[in-house]
Amino acid sequence: MRLFGIGLMPVEEDYLASLGRMTTLIGEAAQALAEMLADDVEEGERYAKHIKSIERACDEITHDVSTRLSRSFITAIDREDIHALITALDDVVDLIEGLVTAVVMYGIPEYTPHMRLFAGVIQQMAPKLDAIVPNIDRARDIQTLLLEVHQLEREGDEIYQEAIADLFRSGLSPQTIIVMKEVYENLEAAIDRCQNIGDLVERIVIKNT
């Protein structure tokens, strides 16, 4: 697929490269999250520092893209769409970093199976975003990939419902329930944000074909 029937201008290729770096970083954050939840809780701080470094790298890319967009007068993809994409991608890593920080800060004694299931869904979503977003002007089988992202989001919803139900049946202290509910909500929010990125891509493709 080629937007407008032509290739994008050189400046747009830079934007797509930046979007590609963001999707790569999402993959790294998702991998680190999955590894953290498969490891001992005592190692949590080490993973949190690594994910924080990824989050800072994403912030730098987002700032760079926003600055360049403010100086661009003509773009093949609307500036608002590029900004919406880069912001949504940054949000995914922000949510992962935030929940990891909360897990360490609150001293959660053990990682639950539901936390690992959430992380697995995010980990599956990351390569699909990496295949779609930086290749938005020539993505192949984009509808198939978008459907797969939708399906994973639905899996995330099912995990969230089961996690909350189990949490309130657990007999844990009210304070622990509040903390765990926040963690589950952040994990689901990260999945929802990945879904939102898919929706953004779909709207951009429809607008420009």
C-alpha atoms as a PDB file:
ATOM      1  CA  MET A   1       0.000   0.000   0.000  1.00  0.00           C
ATOM      2  CA  ARG A   2       1.286   3.471  -0.878  1.00  0.00           C
ATOM      3  CA  LEU A   3      -0.392   6.508   0.548  1.00  0.00           C
ATOM      4  CA  PHE A   4      -1.519   8.957  -2.123  1.00  0.00           C
ATOM      5  CA  GLY A   5      -0.213   6.502  -4.727  1.00  0.00           C
ATOM      6  CA  ILE A   6       3.389   7.678  -4.177  1.00  0.00           C
ATOM      7  CA  GLY A   7       6.188   7.152  -1.733  1.00  0.00           C
ATOM      8  CA  LEU A   8       6.497   9.450   1.236  1.00  0.00           C
ATOM      9  CA  MET A   9       8.827  12.430   1.208  1.00  0.00           C
ATOM     10  CA  PRO A  10      12.233  12.133   2.944  1.00  0.00           C
ATOM     11  CA  VAL A  11      11.027  14.062   5.983  1.00  0.00           C
ATOM     12  CA  GLU A  12       8.169  11.582   6.400  1.00  0.00           C
ATOM     13  CA  GLU A  13      10.604   8.676   6.258  1.00  0.00           C
ATOM     14  CA  ASP A  14      12.270  10.242   9.294  1.00  0.00           C
ATOM     15  CA  TYR A  15       8.949  10.282  11.105  1.00  0.00           C
ATOM     16  CA  LEU A  16       8.337   6.649  10.213  1.00  0.00           C
ATOM     17  CA  ALA A  17      11.820   5.771  11.428  1.00  0.00           C
ATOM     18  CA  SER A  18      11.036   7.464  14.737  1.00  0.00           C
ATOM     19  CA  LEU A  19       7.774   5.562  14.996  1.00  0.00           C
ATOM     20  CA  GLY A  20       9.721   2.376  14.292  1.00  0.00           C
ATOM     21  CA  ARG A  21      12.146   3.124  17.105  1.00  0.00           C
ATOM     22  CA  MET A  22       9.170   3.575  19.417  1.00  0.00           C
ATOM     23  CA  THR A  23       7.612   0.228  18.483  1.00  0.00           C
ATOM     24  CA  THR A  24      11.011  -1.419  18.987  1.00  0.00           C
ATOM     25  CA  LEU A  25      11.212   0.107  22.461  1.00  0.00           C
ATOM     26  CA  ILE A  26       7.688  -1.099  23.247  1.00  0.00           C
ATOM     27  CA  GLY A  27       8.878  -4.592  22.381  1.00  0.00           C
ATOM     28  CA  GLU A  28      11.867  -4.198  24.712  1.00  0.00           C
ATOM     29  CA  ALA A  29       9.652  -2.927  27.540  1.00  0.00           C
ATOM     30  CA  ALA A  30       7.181  -5.779  27.027  1.00  0.00           C
ATOM     31  CA  GLN A  31      10.018  -8.307  27.067  1.00  0.00           C
ATOM     32  CA  ALA A  32      11.487  -6.815  30.242  1.00  0.00           C
ATOM     33  CA  LEU A  33       8.061  -6.868  31.915  1.00  0.00           C
ATOM     34  CA  ALA A  34       7.535 -10.536  31.043  1.00  0.00           C
ATOM     35  CA  GLU A  35      11.012 -11.430  32.287  1.00  0.00           C
ATOM     36  CA  MET A  36      10.462  -9.500  35.511  1.00  0.00           C
ATOM     37  CA  LEU A  37       7.206 -11.316  36.265  1.00  0.00           C
ATOM     38  CA  ALA A  38       8.882 -14.667  35.579  1.00  0.00           C
ATOM     39  CA  ASP A  39      11.733 -13.840  37.967  1.00  0.00           C
ATOM     40  CA  ASP A  40      11.946 -13.497  41.740  1.00  0.00           C
ATOM     41  CA  VAL A  41      10.269 -10.417  43.228  1.00  0.00           C
ATOM     42  CA  GLU A  42      13.600  -9.469  44.788  1.00  0.00           C
ATOM     43  CA  GLU A  43      14.890  -8.708  41.295  1.00  0.00           C
ATOM     44  CA  GLY A  44      12.072  -6.253  40.613  1.00  0.00           C
ATOM     45  CA  GLU A  45      14.092  -3.094  41.188  1.00  0.00           C
ATOM     46  CA  ARG A  46      16.669  -4.126  38.591  1.00  0.00           C
ATOM     47  CA  TYR A  47      13.981  -4.576  35.951  1.00  0.00           C
ATOM     48  CA  ALA A  48      12.300  -1.336  37.001  1.00  0.00           C
ATOM     49  CA  LYS A  49      15.515   0.601  36.349  1.00  0.00           C
ATOM     50  CA  HIS A  50      15.865  -0.974  32.917  1.00  0.00           C
ATOM     51  CA  ILE A  51      12.267  -0.195  31.975  1.00  0.00           C
ATOM     52  CA  LYS A  52      12.739   3.365  33.267  1.00  0.00           C
ATOM     53  CA  SER A  53      15.645   3.804  30.849  1.00  0.00           C
ATOM     54  CA  ILE A  54      13.407   2.611  28.007  1.00  0.00           C
ATOM     55  CA  GLU A  55      10.690   5.060  29.083  1.00  0.00           C
ATOM     56  CA  ARG A  56      13.178   7.942  29.032  1.00  0.00           C
ATOM     57  CA  ALA A  57      14.315   6.986  25.536  1.00  0.00           C
ATOM     58  CA  CYS A  58      10.679   7.040  24.405  1.00  0.00           C
ATOM     59  CA  ASP A  59      10.199  10.474  25.946  1.00  0.00           C
ATOM     60  CA  GLU A  60      13.197  11.773  24.000  1.00  0.00           C
ATOM     61  CA  ILE A  61      11.845  10.432  20.706  1.00  0.00           C
ATOM     62  CA  THR A  62       8.389  11.869  21.426  1.00  0.00           C
ATOM     63  CA  HIS A  63       9.874  15.282  22.200  1.00  0.00           C
ATOM     64  CA  ASP A  64      12.015  15.180  19.053  1.00  0.00           C
ATOM     65  CA  VAL A  65       9.076  14.261  16.817  1.00  0.00           C
ATOM     66  CA  SER A  66       6.835  16.908  18.395  1.00  0.00           C
ATOM     67  CA  THR A  67       9.512  19.553  17.842  1.00  0.00           C
ATOM     68  CA  ARG A  68      10.001  18.589  14.196  1.00  0.00           C
ATOM     69  CA  LEU A  69       6.256  18.512  13.577  1.00  0.00           C
ATOM     70  CA  SER A  70       5.945  22.067  14.856  1.00  0.00           C
ATOM     71  CA  ARG A  71       8.374  23.136  12.115  1.00  0.00           C
ATOM     72  CA  SER A  72       6.813  21.142   9.270  1.00  0.00           C
ATOM     73  CA  PHE A  73       4.330  22.876   6.984  1.00  0.00           C
ATOM     74  CA  ILE A  74       3.620  20.066   4.511  1.00  0.00           C
ATOM     75  CA  THR A  75       3.423  16.404   5.471  1.00  0.00           C
ATOM     76  CA  ALA A  76       2.091  13.414   3.549  1.00  0.00           C
ATOM     77  CA  ILE A  77       0.463  12.108   6.731  1.00  0.00           C
ATOM     78  CA  ASP A  78      -1.337  14.779   8.749  1.00  0.00           C
ATOM     79  CA  ARG A  79       0.786  16.195  11.524  1.00  0.00           C
ATOM     80  CA  GLU A  80      -2.054  15.575  13.983  1.00  0.00           C
ATOM     81  CA  ASP A  81      -2.071  11.886  13.067  1.00  0.00           C
ATOM     82  CA  ILE A  82       1.683  11.530  13.484  1.00  0.00           C
ATOM     83  CA  HIS A  83       1.485  13.286  16.847  1.00  0.00           C
ATOM     84  CA  ALA A  84      -1.414  11.081  17.971  1.00  0.00           C
ATOM     85  CA  LEU A  85       0.544   7.948  17.051  1.00  0.00           C
ATOM     86  CA  ILE A  86       3.791   8.956  18.743  1.00  0.00           C
ATOM     87  CA  THR A  87       1.872  10.000  21.868  1.00  0.00           C
ATOM     88  CA  ALA A  88      -0.077   6.731  22.019  1.00  0.00           C
ATOM     89  CA  LEU A  89       3.109   4.713  21.589  1.00  0.00           C
ATOM     90  CA  ASP A  90       4.761   6.690  24.383  1.00  0.00           C
ATOM     91  CA  ASP A  91       1.720   6.065  26.598  1.00  0.00           C
ATOM     92  CA  VAL A  92       2.182   2.287  26.333  1.00  0.00           C
ATOM     93  CA  VAL A  93       5.693   2.444  27.760  1.00  0.00           C
ATOM     94  CA  ASP A  94       4.624   5.030  30.355  1.00  0.00           C
ATOM     95  CA  LEU A  95       1.943   2.635  31.581  1.00  0.00           C
ATOM     96  CA  ILE A  96       4.371  -0.298  31.743  1.00  0.00           C
ATOM     97  CA  GLU A  97       6.932   1.810  33.602  1.00  0.00           C
ATOM     98  CA  GLY A  98       4.283   3.126  35.983  1.00  0.00           C
ATOM     99  CA  LEU A  99       2.947  -0.275  36.942  1.00  0.00           C
ATOM    100  CA  VAL A 100       6.436  -1.733  37.396  1.00  0.00           C
ATOM    101  CA  THR A 101       7.330   1.191  39.656  1.00  0.00           C
ATOM    102  CA  ALA A 102       4.139   0.600  41.652  1.00  0.00           C
ATOM    103  CA  VAL A 103       4.880  -3.114  42.018  1.00  0.00           C
ATOM    104  CA  VAL A 104       8.330  -2.342  43.448  1.00  0.00           C
ATOM    105  CA  MET A 105       7.238   0.629  45.551  1.00  0.00           C
ATOM    106  CA  TYR A 106       4.329  -1.186  47.203  1.00  0.00           C
ATOM    107  CA  GLY A 107       6.423  -4.286  47.809  1.00  0.00           C
ATOM    108  CA  ILE A 108       4.011  -6.773  46.263  1.00  0.00           C
ATOM    109  CA  PRO A 109       5.082 -10.103  47.803  1.00  0.00           C
ATOM    110  CA  GLU A 110       4.537 -12.248  44.710  1.00  0.00           C
ATOM    111  CA  TYR A 111       3.544 -11.980  41.088  1.00  0.00           C
ATOM    112  CA  THR A 112       0.194 -13.518  40.248  1.00  0.00           C
ATOM    113  CA  PRO A 113      -0.649 -15.732  37.263  1.00  0.00           C
ATOM    114  CA  HIS A 114      -2.955 -12.981  36.009  1.00  0.00           C
ATOM    115  CA  MET A 115      -0.070 -10.494  35.952  1.00  0.00           C
ATOM    116  CA  ARG A 116       1.910 -12.926  33.809  1.00  0.00           C
ATOM    117  CA  LEU A 117      -1.041 -13.441  31.481  1.00  0.00           C
ATOM    118  CA  PHE A 118      -1.402  -9.683  31.005  1.00  0.00           C
ATOM    119  CA  ALA A 119       2.313  -9.400  30.257  1.00  0.00           C
ATOM    120  CA  GLY A 120       2.016 -12.204  27.715  1.00  0.00           C
ATOM    121  CA  VAL A 121      -0.727 -10.357  25.851  1.00  0.00           C
ATOM    122  CA  ILE A 122       1.341  -7.151  25.733  1.00  0.00           C
ATOM    123  CA  GLN A 123       4.317  -9.160  24.533  1.00  0.00           C
ATOM    124  CA  GLN A 124       2.231 -10.610  21.688  1.00  0.00           C
ATOM    125  CA  MET A 125       0.900  -7.180  20.714  1.00  0.00           C
ATOM    126  CA  ALA A 126       4.323  -5.543  20.457  1.00  0.00           C
ATOM    127  CA  PRO A 127       5.571  -7.262  17.250  1.00  0.00           C
ATOM    128  CA  LYS A 128       2.219  -6.649  15.561  1.00  0.00           C
ATOM    129  CA  LEU A 129       2.536  -2.921  16.252  1.00  0.00           C
ATOM    130  CA  ASP A 130       6.117  -3.100  15.016  1.00  0.00           C
ATOM    131  CA  ALA A 131       4.862  -4.610  11.750  1.00  0.00           C
ATOM    132  CA  ILE A 132       2.086  -2.047  11.297  1.00  0.00           C
ATOM    133  CA  VAL A 133       3.142   1.378  12.557  1.00  0.00           C
ATOM    134  CA  PRO A 134       6.514   2.130  10.883  1.00  0.00           C
ATOM    135  CA  ASN A 135       5.226   0.619   7.622  1.00  0.00           C
ATOM    136  CA  ILE A 136       1.933   2.462   7.618  1.00  0.00           C
ATOM    137  CA  ASP A 137       2.432   3.612   4.029  1.00  0.00           C
ATOM    138  CA  ARG A 138       3.061   0.119   2.679  1.00  0.00           C
ATOM    139  CA  ALA A 139       1.838  -2.363   5.274  1.00  0.00           C
ATOM    140  CA  ARG A 140       0.843  -5.761   3.888  1.00  0.00           C
ATOM    141  CA  ASP A 141      -2.003  -7.744   5.373  1.00  0.00           C
ATOM    142  CA  ILE A 142      -2.741  -4.782   7.620  1.00  0.00           C
ATOM    143  CA  GLN A 143      -6.326  -5.848   8.226  1.00  0.00           C
ATOM    144  CA  THR A 144      -5.193  -9.269   9.409  1.00  0.00           C
ATOM    145  CA  LEU A 145      -2.754  -7.684  11.839  1.00  0.00           C
ATOM    146  CA  LEU A 146      -5.375  -5.243  13.106  1.00  0.00           C
ATOM    147  CA  LEU A 147      -7.814  -8.091  13.706  1.00  0.00           C
ATOM    148  CA  GLU A 148      -5.143  -9.929  15.684  1.00  0.00           C
ATOM    149  CA  VAL A 149      -4.593  -6.832  17.829  1.00  0.00           C
ATOM    150  CA  HIS A 150      -8.360  -6.634  18.427  1.00  0.00           C
ATOM    151  CA  GLN A 151      -8.453 -10.287  19.461  1.00  0.00           C
ATOM    152  CA  LEU A 152      -5.592  -9.809  21.903  1.00  0.00           C
ATOM    153  CA  GLU A 153      -7.366  -6.803  23.409  1.00  0.00           C
ATOM    154  CA  ARG A 154     -10.426  -8.987  23.996  1.00  0.00           C
ATOM    155  CA  GLU A 155      -8.197 -11.560  25.702  1.00  0.00           C
ATOM    156  CA  GLY A 156      -6.919  -8.767  27.921  1.00  0.00           C
ATOM    157  CA  ASP A 157     -10.494  -7.862  28.884  1.00  0.00           C
ATOM    158  CA  GLU A 158     -11.208 -11.475  29.832  1.00  0.00           C
ATOM    159  CA  ILE A 159      -8.043 -11.677  31.929  1.00  0.00           C
ATOM    160  CA  TYR A 160      -8.986  -8.440  33.702  1.00  0.00           C
ATOM    161  CA  GLN A 161     -12.471  -9.689  34.560  1.00  0.00           C
ATOM    162  CA  GLU A 162     -11.090 -12.961  35.932  1.00  0.00           C
ATOM    163  CA  ALA A 163      -8.316 -11.161  37.833  1.00  0.00           C
ATOM    164  CA  ILE A 164     -10.697  -8.751  39.567  1.00  0.00           C
ATOM    165  CA  ALA A 165     -13.144 -11.529  40.434  1.00  0.00           C
ATOM    166  CA  ASP A 166     -10.354 -13.645  41.944  1.00  0.00           C
ATOM    167  CA  LEU A 167      -8.959 -10.624  43.765  1.00  0.00           C
ATOM    168  CA  PHE A 168     -12.196  -9.916  45.626  1.00  0.00           C
ATOM    169  CA  ARG A 169     -12.541 -13.599  46.508  1.00  0.00           C
ATOM    170  CA  SER A 170      -8.969 -13.818  47.747  1.00  0.00           C
ATOM    171  CA  GLY A 171      -9.465 -12.761  51.357  1.00  0.00           C
ATOM    172  CA  LEU A 172      -6.533 -10.358  51.081  1.00  0.00           C
ATOM    173  CA  SER A 173      -6.447  -7.191  53.143  1.00  0.00           C
ATOM    174  CA  PRO A 174      -8.316  -4.165  51.746  1.00  0.00           C
ATOM    175  CA  GLN A 175      -4.996  -2.343  51.257  1.00  0.00           C
ATOM    176  CA  THR A 176      -3.542  -5.200  49.216  1.00  0.00           C
ATOM    177  CA  ILE A 177      -6.706  -5.435  47.131  1.00  0.00           C
ATOM    178  CA  ILE A 178      -6.489  -1.715  46.321  1.00  0.00           C
ATOM    179  CA  VAL A 179      -2.848  -2.041  45.253  1.00  0.00           C
ATOM    180  CA  MET A 180      -3.425  -5.155  43.144  1.00  0.00           C
ATOM    181  CA  LYS A 181      -6.490  -3.622  41.510  1.00  0.00           C
ATOM    182  CA  GLU A 182      -4.363  -0.639  40.467  1.00  0.00           C
ATOM    183  CA  VAL A 183      -1.732  -2.960  39.004  1.00  0.00           C
ATOM    184  CA  TYR A 184      -4.348  -4.899  37.027  1.00  0.00           C
ATOM    185  CA  GLU A 185      -5.927  -1.666  35.796  1.00  0.00           C
ATOM    186  CA  ASN A 186      -2.567  -0.388  34.540  1.00  0.00           C
ATOM    187  CA  LEU A 187      -1.872  -3.659  32.754  1.00  0.00           C
ATOM    188  CA  GLU A 188      -5.272  -3.573  31.091  1.00  0.00           C
ATOM    189  CA  ALA A 189      -4.756   0.102  30.205  1.00  0.00           C
ATOM    190  CA  ALA A 190      -1.484  -0.750  28.428  1.00  0.00           C
ATOM    191  CA  ILE A 191      -3.321  -3.380  26.374  1.00  0.00           C
ATOM    192  CA  ASP A 192      -6.144  -0.954  25.599  1.00  0.00           C
ATOM    193  CA  ARG A 193      -3.597   1.631  24.460  1.00  0.00           C
ATOM    194  CA  CYS A 194      -2.088  -0.887  22.059  1.00  0.00           C
ATOM    195  CA  GLN A 195      -5.589  -1.435  20.681  1.00  0.00           C
ATOM    196  CA  ASN A 196      -6.001   2.332  20.367  1.00  0.00           C
ATOM    197  CA  ILE A 197      -2.828   2.474  18.260  1.00  0.00           C
ATOM    198  CA  GLY A 198      -4.339  -0.090  15.907  1.00  0.00           C
ATOM    199  CA  ASP A 199      -7.468   2.036  15.606  1.00  0.00           C
ATOM    200  CA  LEU A 200      -5.363   5.123  14.842  1.00  0.00           C
ATOM    201  CA  VAL A 201      -3.480   3.283  12.113  1.00  0.00           C
ATOM    202  CA  GLU A 202      -6.722   2.053  10.568  1.00  0.00           C
ATOM    203  CA  ARG A 203      -8.174   5.585  10.478  1.00  0.00           C
ATOM    204  CA  ILE A 204      -4.977   6.997   8.931  1.00  0.00           C
ATOM    205  CA  VAL A 205      -4.934   4.331   6.223  1.00  0.00           C
ATOM    206  CA  ILE A 206      -8.604   4.909   5.380  1.00  0.00           C
ATOM    207  CA  LYS A 207      -8.080   8.668   5.273  1.00  0.00           C
ATOM    208  CA  ASN A 208      -5.103   8.467   2.936  1.00  0.00           C
ATOM    209  CA  THR A 209      -6.204   5.825   0.414  1.00  0.00           C
END
